[in-house]
Amino acid sequence: MLIWYNTRRMDKNIFIHIPKNGGKYIRDKIKKNKENKIIKGYWGVKGGFDLAHIPYVKREKYIDKRVKYKYITYSRDPYDRLISAYFYKNRENGREDFKKFCKEELRELVFNNTYDRSIIHYYPQYLFICNRKEEKIDIKIKRINAPKKYDIEKYYDDDMLKVVNDVYKQDFKKLNYKMFGSIIEWRKSEQL
């Protein structure tokens, strides 16, 4: 999470850093803008909690509750984001390891209100930008054009797509990303 004041617009802002969505780059851009005065930048780990990725529902401990903030974040296509997260956490592994993870482990991960640091990069994006009722907050969401757009046909098969579609169903819905039921469907969309 990064909190800053914009001297031109005279408003206070919070960047909610969803993992594997270009957050370090975005933080640097905010910091380098001469109109921005950084109030507080959270980073590191405290008590097992990843401070870089403070979700909206956990913000009260880290902000001045009397201040009205504008919230911004960046989202990323769930298929690409999962590939990026997996290889960030498992740099030595290959595509077959990724496929095994999707088919055998992904569904078993528990994404609850503890925001477990060991799996934070796999948490669905909507959990960072929704209130306790899982309603999307008033937030400006920009889409990141990933520095690396993956060819999902090289990483996924139809069974894996079903798992990812199920696990990240709310990300597809709330962030308006196209969900594919099969590799053939994905291939047709790429030809349009």
N, C-alpha and C. Protein backbone atom coordinates (compact mmCIF):
# COMPACT_ATOMS: atom_id res chain seq x y z
N MET A 1 0.85 -1.17 0.00
CA MET A 1 0.00 0.00 0.00
C MET A 1 0.90 1.23 0.00
N LEU A 2 0.47 2.22 -0.77
CA LEU A 2 1.18 3.48 -0.84
C LEU A 2 0.16 4.60 -0.69
N ILE A 3 0.44 5.53 0.23
CA ILE A 3 -0.46 6.66 0.48
C ILE A 3 0.28 7.93 0.08
N TRP A 4 -0.39 8.79 -0.70
CA TRP A 4 0.25 10.04 -1.11
C TRP A 4 -0.77 11.16 -1.27
N TYR A 5 -0.23 12.37 -1.26
CA TYR A 5 -1.01 13.59 -1.45
C TYR A 5 -0.61 14.19 -2.79
N ASN A 6 -1.60 14.53 -3.62
CA ASN A 6 -1.32 15.17 -4.90
C ASN A 6 -1.51 16.67 -4.73
N THR A 7 -0.44 17.43 -4.92
CA THR A 7 -0.47 18.87 -4.68
C THR A 7 -1.27 19.65 -5.72
N ARG A 8 -1.43 19.14 -6.91
CA ARG A 8 -2.23 19.83 -7.94
C ARG A 8 -3.72 19.60 -7.72
N ARG A 9 -4.11 18.36 -7.51
CA ARG A 9 -5.53 18.05 -7.29
C ARG A 9 -5.94 18.25 -5.84
N MET A 10 -4.95 18.33 -4.97
CA MET A 10 -5.17 18.49 -3.52
C MET A 10 -6.06 17.37 -2.96
N ASP A 11 -5.65 16.14 -3.25
CA ASP A 11 -6.38 14.99 -2.71
C ASP A 11 -5.40 13.96 -2.18
N LYS A 12 -5.92 13.12 -1.31
CA LYS A 12 -5.11 12.03 -0.74
C LYS A 12 -5.54 10.73 -1.38
N ASN A 13 -4.54 9.93 -1.71
CA ASN A 13 -4.77 8.72 -2.49
C ASN A 13 -4.11 7.52 -1.85
N ILE A 14 -4.71 6.37 -2.13
CA ILE A 14 -4.13 5.10 -1.70
C ILE A 14 -4.03 4.18 -2.91
N PHE A 15 -2.83 3.68 -3.13
CA PHE A 15 -2.62 2.66 -4.15
C PHE A 15 -2.66 1.31 -3.45
N ILE A 16 -3.63 0.48 -3.83
CA ILE A 16 -3.71 -0.88 -3.32
C ILE A 16 -2.92 -1.75 -4.28
N HIS A 17 -1.84 -2.30 -3.76
CA HIS A 17 -0.88 -3.06 -4.56
C HIS A 17 -1.30 -4.54 -4.57
N ILE A 18 -1.99 -4.92 -5.63
CA ILE A 18 -2.36 -6.33 -5.81
C ILE A 18 -1.13 -7.05 -6.36
N PRO A 19 -0.73 -8.16 -5.76
CA PRO A 19 0.49 -8.86 -6.20
C PRO A 19 0.45 -9.25 -7.67
N LYS A 20 1.61 -9.13 -8.31
CA LYS A 20 1.86 -9.53 -9.70
C LYS A 20 1.06 -8.70 -10.71
N ASN A 21 0.83 -7.44 -10.36
CA ASN A 21 0.15 -6.52 -11.26
C ASN A 21 0.99 -5.27 -11.53
N GLY A 22 2.30 -5.41 -11.51
CA GLY A 22 3.19 -4.29 -11.82
C GLY A 22 3.32 -3.27 -10.70
N GLY A 23 3.09 -3.68 -9.49
CA GLY A 23 3.05 -2.78 -8.35
C GLY A 23 4.33 -2.01 -8.08
N LYS A 24 5.48 -2.63 -8.21
CA LYS A 24 6.75 -1.92 -7.96
C LYS A 24 6.92 -0.80 -8.98
N TYR A 25 6.63 -1.09 -10.22
CA TYR A 25 6.73 -0.08 -11.29
C TYR A 25 5.77 1.08 -11.02
N ILE A 26 4.54 0.77 -10.64
CA ILE A 26 3.54 1.80 -10.38
C ILE A 26 3.93 2.64 -9.17
N ARG A 27 4.41 2.00 -8.12
CA ARG A 27 4.88 2.75 -6.94
C ARG A 27 5.98 3.74 -7.34
N ASP A 28 6.92 3.29 -8.17
CA ASP A 28 8.00 4.18 -8.61
C ASP A 28 7.47 5.36 -9.41
N LYS A 29 6.49 5.11 -10.27
CA LYS A 29 5.90 6.20 -11.06
C LYS A 29 5.22 7.23 -10.16
N ILE A 30 4.50 6.76 -9.15
CA ILE A 30 3.83 7.66 -8.21
C ILE A 30 4.86 8.48 -7.46
N LYS A 31 5.92 7.84 -6.99
CA LYS A 31 6.96 8.51 -6.23
C LYS A 31 7.72 9.54 -7.07
N LYS A 32 7.93 9.25 -8.36
CA LYS A 32 8.70 10.15 -9.22
C LYS A 32 7.90 11.36 -9.70
N ASN A 33 6.58 11.31 -9.60
CA ASN A 33 5.74 12.43 -10.01
C ASN A 33 5.94 13.58 -9.02
N LYS A 34 6.41 14.72 -9.51
CA LYS A 34 6.73 15.86 -8.64
C LYS A 34 5.51 16.45 -7.96
N GLU A 35 4.32 16.15 -8.48
CA GLU A 35 3.09 16.65 -7.86
C GLU A 35 2.67 15.82 -6.66
N ASN A 36 3.31 14.69 -6.46
CA ASN A 36 2.94 13.79 -5.37
C ASN A 36 3.88 13.91 -4.19
N LYS A 37 3.30 13.96 -3.02
CA LYS A 37 4.06 13.95 -1.78
C LYS A 37 3.69 12.65 -1.05
N ILE A 38 4.67 11.77 -0.89
CA ILE A 38 4.41 10.47 -0.27
C ILE A 38 4.15 10.67 1.23
N ILE A 39 3.04 10.14 1.69
CA ILE A 39 2.68 10.20 3.10
C ILE A 39 3.23 8.96 3.82
N LYS A 40 2.97 7.79 3.21
CA LYS A 40 3.45 6.54 3.82
C LYS A 40 3.48 5.45 2.76
N GLY A 41 4.58 4.75 2.71
CA GLY A 41 4.71 3.61 1.83
C GLY A 41 4.95 2.37 2.66
N TYR A 42 4.09 1.41 2.55
CA TYR A 42 4.24 0.17 3.31
C TYR A 42 4.96 -0.86 2.46
N TRP A 43 5.91 -1.53 3.10
CA TRP A 43 6.70 -2.56 2.42
C TRP A 43 7.24 -3.51 3.46
N GLY A 44 7.56 -4.71 3.08
CA GLY A 44 8.16 -5.66 4.01
C GLY A 44 7.11 -6.52 4.69
N VAL A 45 7.56 -7.21 5.72
CA VAL A 45 6.70 -8.14 6.44
C VAL A 45 6.74 -7.80 7.92
N LYS A 46 5.56 -7.80 8.55
CA LYS A 46 5.48 -7.53 9.98
C LYS A 46 4.49 -8.52 10.58
N GLY A 47 4.98 -9.31 11.52
CA GLY A 47 4.11 -10.31 12.15
C GLY A 47 3.54 -11.31 11.17
N GLY A 48 4.31 -11.64 10.14
CA GLY A 48 3.84 -12.59 9.14
C GLY A 48 2.90 -12.00 8.11
N PHE A 49 2.63 -10.70 8.18
CA PHE A 49 1.71 -10.04 7.25
C PHE A 49 2.51 -9.24 6.23
N ASP A 50 2.18 -9.40 4.96
CA ASP A 50 2.88 -8.72 3.86
C ASP A 50 2.34 -7.30 3.71
N LEU A 51 3.11 -6.33 4.17
CA LEU A 51 2.66 -4.93 4.19
C LEU A 51 2.57 -4.31 2.79
N ALA A 52 3.27 -4.85 1.83
CA ALA A 52 3.19 -4.29 0.47
C ALA A 52 1.80 -4.50 -0.11
N HIS A 53 1.12 -5.55 0.33
CA HIS A 53 -0.15 -5.94 -0.29
C HIS A 53 -1.31 -5.86 0.71
N ILE A 54 -1.45 -4.71 1.34
CA ILE A 54 -2.54 -4.53 2.31
C ILE A 54 -3.86 -4.39 1.55
N PRO A 55 -4.81 -5.30 1.79
CA PRO A 55 -6.10 -5.20 1.10
C PRO A 55 -7.00 -4.14 1.76
N TYR A 56 -8.01 -3.76 1.04
CA TYR A 56 -8.95 -2.74 1.54
C TYR A 56 -9.51 -3.11 2.92
N VAL A 57 -9.89 -4.37 3.12
CA VAL A 57 -10.51 -4.77 4.38
C VAL A 57 -9.56 -4.70 5.58
N LYS A 58 -8.26 -4.59 5.32
CA LYS A 58 -7.28 -4.52 6.41
C LYS A 58 -6.68 -3.11 6.55
N ARG A 59 -7.16 -2.15 5.80
CA ARG A 59 -6.54 -0.82 5.71
C ARG A 59 -6.64 0.01 6.99
N GLU A 60 -7.67 -0.19 7.79
CA GLU A 60 -7.94 0.71 8.91
C GLU A 60 -6.79 0.80 9.91
N LYS A 61 -6.05 -0.23 10.05
CA LYS A 61 -4.90 -0.23 10.97
C LYS A 61 -3.76 0.65 10.45
N TYR A 62 -3.78 0.98 9.14
CA TYR A 62 -2.65 1.65 8.50
C TYR A 62 -2.95 3.06 7.99
N ILE A 63 -4.20 3.51 8.13
CA ILE A 63 -4.56 4.83 7.59
C ILE A 63 -5.18 5.71 8.67
N ASP A 64 -5.28 6.98 8.37
CA ASP A 64 -6.01 7.92 9.22
C ASP A 64 -7.48 7.80 8.85
N LYS A 65 -8.29 7.28 9.75
CA LYS A 65 -9.70 6.99 9.46
C LYS A 65 -10.53 8.24 9.22
N ARG A 66 -10.02 9.39 9.62
CA ARG A 66 -10.78 10.64 9.45
C ARG A 66 -10.63 11.24 8.06
N VAL A 67 -9.69 10.72 7.29
CA VAL A 67 -9.38 11.27 5.97
C VAL A 67 -10.16 10.52 4.89
N LYS A 68 -10.64 11.27 3.90
CA LYS A 68 -11.29 10.66 2.74
C LYS A 68 -10.22 10.46 1.67
N TYR A 69 -10.01 9.23 1.29
CA TYR A 69 -9.00 8.87 0.30
C TYR A 69 -9.67 8.48 -1.01
N LYS A 70 -8.93 8.66 -2.09
CA LYS A 70 -9.28 8.09 -3.38
C LYS A 70 -8.42 6.85 -3.53
N TYR A 71 -9.03 5.77 -3.98
CA TYR A 71 -8.33 4.50 -4.12
C TYR A 71 -8.07 4.20 -5.59
N ILE A 72 -6.87 3.68 -5.86
CA ILE A 72 -6.54 3.22 -7.21
C ILE A 72 -5.83 1.87 -7.12
N THR A 73 -5.93 1.12 -8.19
CA THR A 73 -5.19 -0.13 -8.30
C THR A 73 -5.06 -0.47 -9.77
N TYR A 74 -4.32 -1.51 -10.03
CA TYR A 74 -4.16 -2.06 -11.37
C TYR A 74 -4.57 -3.51 -11.32
N SER A 75 -5.25 -3.96 -12.37
CA SER A 75 -5.64 -5.37 -12.45
C SER A 75 -4.95 -6.01 -13.64
N ARG A 76 -5.00 -7.31 -13.65
CA ARG A 76 -4.33 -8.07 -14.72
C ARG A 76 -5.17 -9.29 -15.05
N ASP A 77 -5.15 -9.68 -16.30
CA ASP A 77 -5.87 -10.86 -16.74
C ASP A 77 -5.50 -12.04 -15.82
N PRO A 78 -6.50 -12.72 -15.23
CA PRO A 78 -6.20 -13.80 -14.28
C PRO A 78 -5.34 -14.93 -14.84
N TYR A 79 -5.49 -15.25 -16.11
CA TYR A 79 -4.65 -16.32 -16.69
C TYR A 79 -3.18 -15.92 -16.69
N ASP A 80 -2.89 -14.71 -17.17
CA ASP A 80 -1.51 -14.22 -17.20
C ASP A 80 -0.95 -14.05 -15.78
N ARG A 81 -1.78 -13.49 -14.92
CA ARG A 81 -1.33 -13.22 -13.55
C ARG A 81 -0.92 -14.51 -12.84
N LEU A 82 -1.70 -15.58 -13.02
CA LEU A 82 -1.37 -16.84 -12.36
C LEU A 82 -0.05 -17.41 -12.86
N ILE A 83 0.19 -17.34 -14.15
CA ILE A 83 1.47 -17.80 -14.69
C ILE A 83 2.61 -17.00 -14.07
N SER A 84 2.46 -15.69 -14.06
CA SER A 84 3.48 -14.81 -13.50
C SER A 84 3.73 -15.11 -12.02
N ALA A 85 2.65 -15.28 -11.26
CA ALA A 85 2.78 -15.56 -9.83
C ALA A 85 3.48 -16.89 -9.59
N TYR A 86 3.08 -17.90 -10.35
CA TYR A 86 3.67 -19.22 -10.15
C TYR A 86 5.19 -19.19 -10.40
N PHE A 87 5.60 -18.60 -11.50
CA PHE A 87 7.03 -18.61 -11.83
C PHE A 87 7.83 -17.61 -10.99
N TYR A 88 7.16 -16.63 -10.42
CA TYR A 88 7.82 -15.74 -9.46
C TYR A 88 8.17 -16.53 -8.19
N LYS A 89 7.23 -17.37 -7.77
CA LYS A 89 7.42 -18.17 -6.56
C LYS A 89 8.26 -19.43 -6.80
N ASN A 90 8.32 -19.89 -8.04
CA ASN A 90 8.97 -21.16 -8.37
C ASN A 90 9.86 -20.98 -9.59
N ARG A 91 10.89 -20.20 -9.43
CA ARG A 91 11.73 -19.81 -10.56
C ARG A 91 12.40 -20.97 -11.29
N GLU A 92 12.66 -22.06 -10.58
CA GLU A 92 13.37 -23.19 -11.20
C GLU A 92 12.43 -24.13 -11.93
N ASN A 93 11.14 -23.99 -11.75
CA ASN A 93 10.19 -24.94 -12.31
C ASN A 93 9.86 -24.63 -13.77
N GLY A 94 9.27 -25.61 -14.43
CA GLY A 94 8.89 -25.48 -15.83
C GLY A 94 7.38 -25.55 -16.01
N ARG A 95 6.98 -25.58 -17.27
CA ARG A 95 5.54 -25.60 -17.60
C ARG A 95 4.83 -26.82 -17.05
N GLU A 96 5.47 -27.96 -17.06
CA GLU A 96 4.82 -29.17 -16.53
C GLU A 96 4.55 -29.04 -15.04
N ASP A 97 5.48 -28.39 -14.31
CA ASP A 97 5.28 -28.14 -12.88
C ASP A 97 4.08 -27.21 -12.67
N PHE A 98 3.98 -26.19 -13.53
CA PHE A 98 2.85 -25.25 -13.45
C PHE A 98 1.53 -25.99 -13.67
N LYS A 99 1.51 -26.86 -14.66
CA LYS A 99 0.29 -27.62 -14.95
C LYS A 99 -0.10 -28.51 -13.76
N LYS A 100 0.89 -29.14 -13.18
CA LYS A 100 0.62 -29.99 -12.00
C LYS A 100 0.08 -29.15 -10.84
N PHE A 101 0.68 -27.98 -10.62
CA PHE A 101 0.21 -27.07 -9.56
C PHE A 101 -1.26 -26.71 -9.79
N CYS A 102 -1.60 -26.32 -11.01
CA CYS A 102 -2.98 -25.93 -11.30
C CYS A 102 -3.96 -27.08 -11.07
N LYS A 103 -3.59 -28.25 -11.49
CA LYS A 103 -4.50 -29.39 -11.41
C LYS A 103 -4.59 -30.00 -10.02
N GLU A 104 -3.49 -29.92 -9.25
CA GLU A 104 -3.46 -30.63 -7.97
C GLU A 104 -3.47 -29.73 -6.73
N GLU A 105 -2.96 -28.50 -6.85
CA GLU A 105 -2.81 -27.68 -5.64
C GLU A 105 -3.66 -26.42 -5.61
N LEU A 106 -3.86 -25.78 -6.74
CA LEU A 106 -4.52 -24.47 -6.77
C LEU A 106 -5.88 -24.48 -6.09
N ARG A 107 -6.68 -25.48 -6.39
CA ARG A 107 -8.03 -25.57 -5.81
C ARG A 107 -8.00 -25.74 -4.29
N GLU A 108 -6.91 -26.26 -3.77
CA GLU A 108 -6.79 -26.52 -2.33
C GLU A 108 -6.35 -25.30 -1.52
N LEU A 109 -5.88 -24.27 -2.19
CA LEU A 109 -5.44 -23.07 -1.47
C LEU A 109 -6.64 -22.40 -0.80
N VAL A 110 -6.41 -21.90 0.41
CA VAL A 110 -7.48 -21.25 1.17
C VAL A 110 -7.22 -19.74 1.16
N PHE A 111 -8.10 -19.00 0.50
CA PHE A 111 -7.99 -17.55 0.41
C PHE A 111 -8.96 -16.92 1.41
N ASN A 112 -8.47 -16.75 2.63
CA ASN A 112 -9.34 -16.19 3.67
C ASN A 112 -8.82 -14.83 4.12
N ASN A 113 -9.40 -14.34 5.18
CA ASN A 113 -9.11 -12.99 5.67
C ASN A 113 -7.76 -12.86 6.37
N THR A 114 -6.98 -13.93 6.45
CA THR A 114 -5.65 -13.81 7.04
C THR A 114 -4.65 -13.27 6.04
N TYR A 115 -4.96 -13.38 4.74
CA TYR A 115 -4.06 -12.97 3.67
C TYR A 115 -2.68 -13.58 3.90
N ASP A 116 -2.68 -14.90 3.91
CA ASP A 116 -1.50 -15.71 4.15
C ASP A 116 -0.36 -15.30 3.23
N ARG A 117 0.70 -14.82 3.81
CA ARG A 117 1.86 -14.32 3.07
C ARG A 117 2.46 -15.36 2.14
N SER A 118 2.41 -16.63 2.53
CA SER A 118 3.04 -17.66 1.71
C SER A 118 2.31 -17.90 0.39
N ILE A 119 1.03 -17.50 0.31
CA ILE A 119 0.27 -17.67 -0.93
C ILE A 119 -0.34 -16.35 -1.42
N ILE A 120 0.12 -15.23 -0.89
CA ILE A 120 -0.47 -13.93 -1.21
C ILE A 120 -0.50 -13.65 -2.72
N HIS A 121 0.49 -14.14 -3.44
CA HIS A 121 0.56 -13.90 -4.89
C HIS A 121 -0.52 -14.64 -5.67
N TYR A 122 -1.15 -15.62 -5.04
CA TYR A 122 -2.22 -16.38 -5.69
C TYR A 122 -3.62 -15.91 -5.29
N TYR A 123 -3.72 -15.04 -4.29
CA TYR A 123 -5.03 -14.57 -3.85
C TYR A 123 -5.78 -13.93 -5.01
N PRO A 124 -7.08 -14.20 -5.12
CA PRO A 124 -7.86 -13.51 -6.16
C PRO A 124 -7.78 -11.99 -5.97
N GLN A 125 -7.75 -11.29 -7.08
CA GLN A 125 -7.59 -9.83 -7.06
C GLN A 125 -8.75 -9.13 -6.35
N TYR A 126 -9.96 -9.63 -6.54
CA TYR A 126 -11.12 -8.93 -5.97
C TYR A 126 -11.04 -8.84 -4.45
N LEU A 127 -10.34 -9.79 -3.80
CA LEU A 127 -10.23 -9.76 -2.34
C LEU A 127 -9.43 -8.56 -1.84
N PHE A 128 -8.69 -7.91 -2.72
CA PHE A 128 -7.92 -6.72 -2.33
C PHE A 128 -8.75 -5.44 -2.45
N ILE A 129 -9.82 -5.49 -3.23
CA ILE A 129 -10.55 -4.25 -3.54
C ILE A 129 -12.03 -4.31 -3.20
N CYS A 130 -12.41 -5.27 -2.38
CA CYS A 130 -13.80 -5.40 -1.96
C CYS A 130 -13.91 -5.20 -0.46
N ASN A 131 -15.12 -4.83 -0.03
CA ASN A 131 -15.38 -4.70 1.40
C ASN A 131 -15.67 -6.09 1.97
N ARG A 132 -16.05 -6.13 3.23
CA ARG A 132 -16.28 -7.43 3.88
C ARG A 132 -17.46 -8.20 3.29
N LYS A 133 -18.35 -7.50 2.59
CA LYS A 133 -19.48 -8.16 1.93
C LYS A 133 -19.12 -8.60 0.50
N GLU A 134 -17.85 -8.46 0.16
CA GLU A 134 -17.31 -8.79 -1.16
C GLU A 134 -17.90 -7.92 -2.27
N GLU A 135 -18.25 -6.67 -1.90
CA GLU A 135 -18.69 -5.67 -2.87
C GLU A 135 -17.49 -4.82 -3.24
N LYS A 136 -17.35 -4.56 -4.53
CA LYS A 136 -16.23 -3.75 -4.99
C LYS A 136 -16.38 -2.34 -4.44
N ILE A 137 -15.29 -1.80 -3.90
CA ILE A 137 -15.30 -0.45 -3.34
C ILE A 137 -15.26 0.58 -4.48
N ASP A 138 -15.40 1.85 -4.12
CA ASP A 138 -15.25 2.93 -5.09
C ASP A 138 -13.75 3.09 -5.34
N ILE A 139 -13.29 2.57 -6.45
CA ILE A 139 -11.86 2.52 -6.74
C ILE A 139 -11.64 2.66 -8.23
N LYS A 140 -10.63 3.40 -8.59
CA LYS A 140 -10.25 3.53 -9.99
C LYS A 140 -9.34 2.34 -10.31
N ILE A 141 -9.78 1.53 -11.26
CA ILE A 141 -9.03 0.33 -11.63
C ILE A 141 -8.51 0.49 -13.05
N LYS A 142 -7.22 0.43 -13.18
CA LYS A 142 -6.61 0.47 -14.51
C LYS A 142 -6.12 -0.94 -14.83
N ARG A 143 -6.18 -1.27 -16.09
CA ARG A 143 -5.66 -2.57 -16.51
C ARG A 143 -4.21 -2.44 -16.88
N ILE A 144 -3.46 -3.39 -16.41
CA ILE A 144 -2.04 -3.38 -16.76
C ILE A 144 -1.87 -4.16 -18.05
N ASN A 145 -1.17 -3.56 -18.95
CA ASN A 145 -0.77 -4.28 -20.14
C ASN A 145 0.53 -4.97 -19.75
N ALA A 146 0.38 -6.22 -19.41
CA ALA A 146 1.51 -6.97 -18.84
C ALA A 146 2.75 -6.84 -19.70
N PRO A 147 3.88 -6.63 -19.07
CA PRO A 147 5.11 -6.57 -19.83
C PRO A 147 5.34 -7.86 -20.61
N LYS A 148 4.77 -8.93 -20.11
CA LYS A 148 4.89 -10.21 -20.80
C LYS A 148 3.49 -10.80 -20.91
N LYS A 149 2.96 -10.83 -22.11
CA LYS A 149 1.66 -11.43 -22.37
C LYS A 149 1.92 -12.88 -22.74
N TYR A 150 1.35 -13.78 -21.97
CA TYR A 150 1.61 -15.20 -22.18
C TYR A 150 0.69 -15.79 -23.23
N ASP A 151 1.19 -16.75 -23.95
CA ASP A 151 0.41 -17.55 -24.88
C ASP A 151 -0.22 -18.66 -24.04
N ILE A 152 -1.48 -18.47 -23.65
CA ILE A 152 -2.05 -19.41 -22.68
C ILE A 152 -2.12 -20.83 -23.21
N GLU A 153 -2.11 -20.99 -24.52
CA GLU A 153 -2.14 -22.33 -25.10
C GLU A 153 -0.89 -23.13 -24.72
N LYS A 154 0.21 -22.43 -24.47
CA LYS A 154 1.45 -23.12 -24.08
C LYS A 154 1.45 -23.53 -22.61
N TYR A 155 0.59 -22.89 -21.82
CA TYR A 155 0.59 -23.14 -20.38
C TYR A 155 -0.64 -23.90 -19.87
N TYR A 156 -1.76 -23.75 -20.56
CA TYR A 156 -3.01 -24.32 -20.08
C TYR A 156 -3.56 -25.37 -21.03
N ASP A 157 -4.35 -26.28 -20.45
CA ASP A 157 -5.19 -27.16 -21.25
C ASP A 157 -6.62 -26.92 -20.76
N ASP A 158 -7.58 -27.60 -21.35
CA ASP A 158 -8.98 -27.34 -21.01
C ASP A 158 -9.29 -27.62 -19.53
N ASP A 159 -8.71 -28.68 -18.97
CA ASP A 159 -8.95 -29.00 -17.56
C ASP A 159 -8.40 -27.90 -16.65
N MET A 160 -7.25 -27.38 -17.00
CA MET A 160 -6.65 -26.31 -16.19
C MET A 160 -7.49 -25.04 -16.28
N LEU A 161 -7.99 -24.73 -17.46
CA LEU A 161 -8.84 -23.54 -17.61
C LEU A 161 -10.05 -23.64 -16.69
N LYS A 162 -10.63 -24.83 -16.58
CA LYS A 162 -11.79 -25.00 -15.70
C LYS A 162 -11.43 -24.72 -14.25
N VAL A 163 -10.26 -25.18 -13.82
CA VAL A 163 -9.82 -24.93 -12.44
C VAL A 163 -9.62 -23.43 -12.22
N VAL A 164 -8.89 -22.80 -13.13
CA VAL A 164 -8.61 -21.36 -12.99
C VAL A 164 -9.91 -20.56 -13.07
N ASN A 165 -10.81 -20.94 -13.95
CA ASN A 165 -12.09 -20.24 -14.06
C ASN A 165 -12.88 -20.34 -12.77
N ASP A 166 -12.81 -21.48 -12.13
CA ASP A 166 -13.52 -21.68 -10.87
C ASP A 166 -12.87 -20.89 -9.73
N VAL A 167 -11.57 -21.01 -9.59
CA VAL A 167 -10.86 -20.34 -8.49
C VAL A 167 -10.94 -18.82 -8.62
N TYR A 168 -10.84 -18.31 -9.84
CA TYR A 168 -10.80 -16.86 -10.06
C TYR A 168 -12.08 -16.32 -10.71
N LYS A 169 -13.18 -17.03 -10.50
CA LYS A 169 -14.47 -16.65 -11.10
C LYS A 169 -14.83 -15.20 -10.79
N GLN A 170 -14.66 -14.78 -9.55
CA GLN A 170 -15.03 -13.42 -9.18
C GLN A 170 -14.10 -12.37 -9.80
N ASP A 171 -12.84 -12.72 -10.02
CA ASP A 171 -11.94 -11.80 -10.72
C ASP A 171 -12.42 -11.56 -12.15
N PHE A 172 -12.78 -12.63 -12.84
CA PHE A 172 -13.27 -12.48 -14.20
C PHE A 172 -14.53 -11.61 -14.22
N LYS A 173 -15.41 -11.87 -13.27
CA LYS A 173 -16.69 -11.16 -13.22
C LYS A 173 -16.53 -9.70 -12.79
N LYS A 174 -15.90 -9.47 -11.65
CA LYS A 174 -15.82 -8.12 -11.08
C LYS A 174 -14.85 -7.21 -11.83
N LEU A 175 -13.86 -7.81 -12.48
CA LEU A 175 -12.87 -7.01 -13.20
C LEU A 175 -13.07 -7.06 -14.72
N ASN A 176 -14.11 -7.75 -15.13
CA ASN A 176 -14.53 -7.77 -16.53
C ASN A 176 -13.46 -8.32 -17.48
N TYR A 177 -12.94 -9.49 -17.14
CA TYR A 177 -12.01 -10.18 -18.03
C TYR A 177 -12.74 -11.34 -18.70
N LYS A 178 -12.34 -11.65 -19.91
CA LYS A 178 -12.95 -12.73 -20.68
C LYS A 178 -12.51 -14.08 -20.12
N MET A 179 -13.49 -14.92 -19.83
CA MET A 179 -13.22 -16.26 -19.35
C MET A 179 -13.39 -17.23 -20.53
N PHE A 180 -12.45 -18.15 -20.66
CA PHE A 180 -12.49 -19.11 -21.76
C PHE A 180 -12.81 -20.50 -21.23
N GLY A 181 -13.72 -21.18 -21.93
CA GLY A 181 -14.10 -22.54 -21.54
C GLY A 181 -13.21 -23.60 -22.13
N SER A 182 -12.46 -23.21 -23.17
CA SER A 182 -11.58 -24.18 -23.81
C SER A 182 -10.45 -23.44 -24.54
N ILE A 183 -9.41 -24.17 -24.87
CA ILE A 183 -8.31 -23.61 -25.64
C ILE A 183 -8.79 -23.22 -27.03
N ILE A 184 -9.70 -23.99 -27.60
CA ILE A 184 -10.25 -23.65 -28.92
C ILE A 184 -10.95 -22.29 -28.87
N GLU A 185 -11.72 -22.06 -27.82
CA GLU A 185 -12.40 -20.77 -27.64
C GLU A 185 -11.38 -19.64 -27.53
N TRP A 186 -10.32 -19.87 -26.74
CA TRP A 186 -9.26 -18.85 -26.62
C TRP A 186 -8.62 -18.57 -27.98
N ARG A 187 -8.31 -19.63 -28.72
CA ARG A 187 -7.67 -19.50 -30.03
C ARG A 187 -8.54 -18.66 -30.98
N LYS A 188 -9.84 -18.91 -30.96
CA LYS A 188 -10.76 -18.14 -31.83
C LYS A 188 -10.76 -16.66 -31.45
N SER A 189 -10.70 -16.37 -30.16
CA SER A 189 -10.70 -14.97 -29.71
C SER A 189 -9.43 -14.24 -30.14
N GLU A 190 -8.33 -14.97 -30.22
CA GLU A 190 -7.05 -14.38 -30.65
C GLU A 190 -7.06 -14.04 -32.14
N GLN A 191 -7.90 -14.72 -32.89
CA GLN A 191 -7.97 -14.49 -34.34
C GLN A 191 -8.86 -13.30 -34.68
N LEU A 192 -9.66 -12.83 -33.74
CA LEU A 192 -10.56 -11.70 -34.01
C LEU A 192 -9.83 -10.39 -34.11
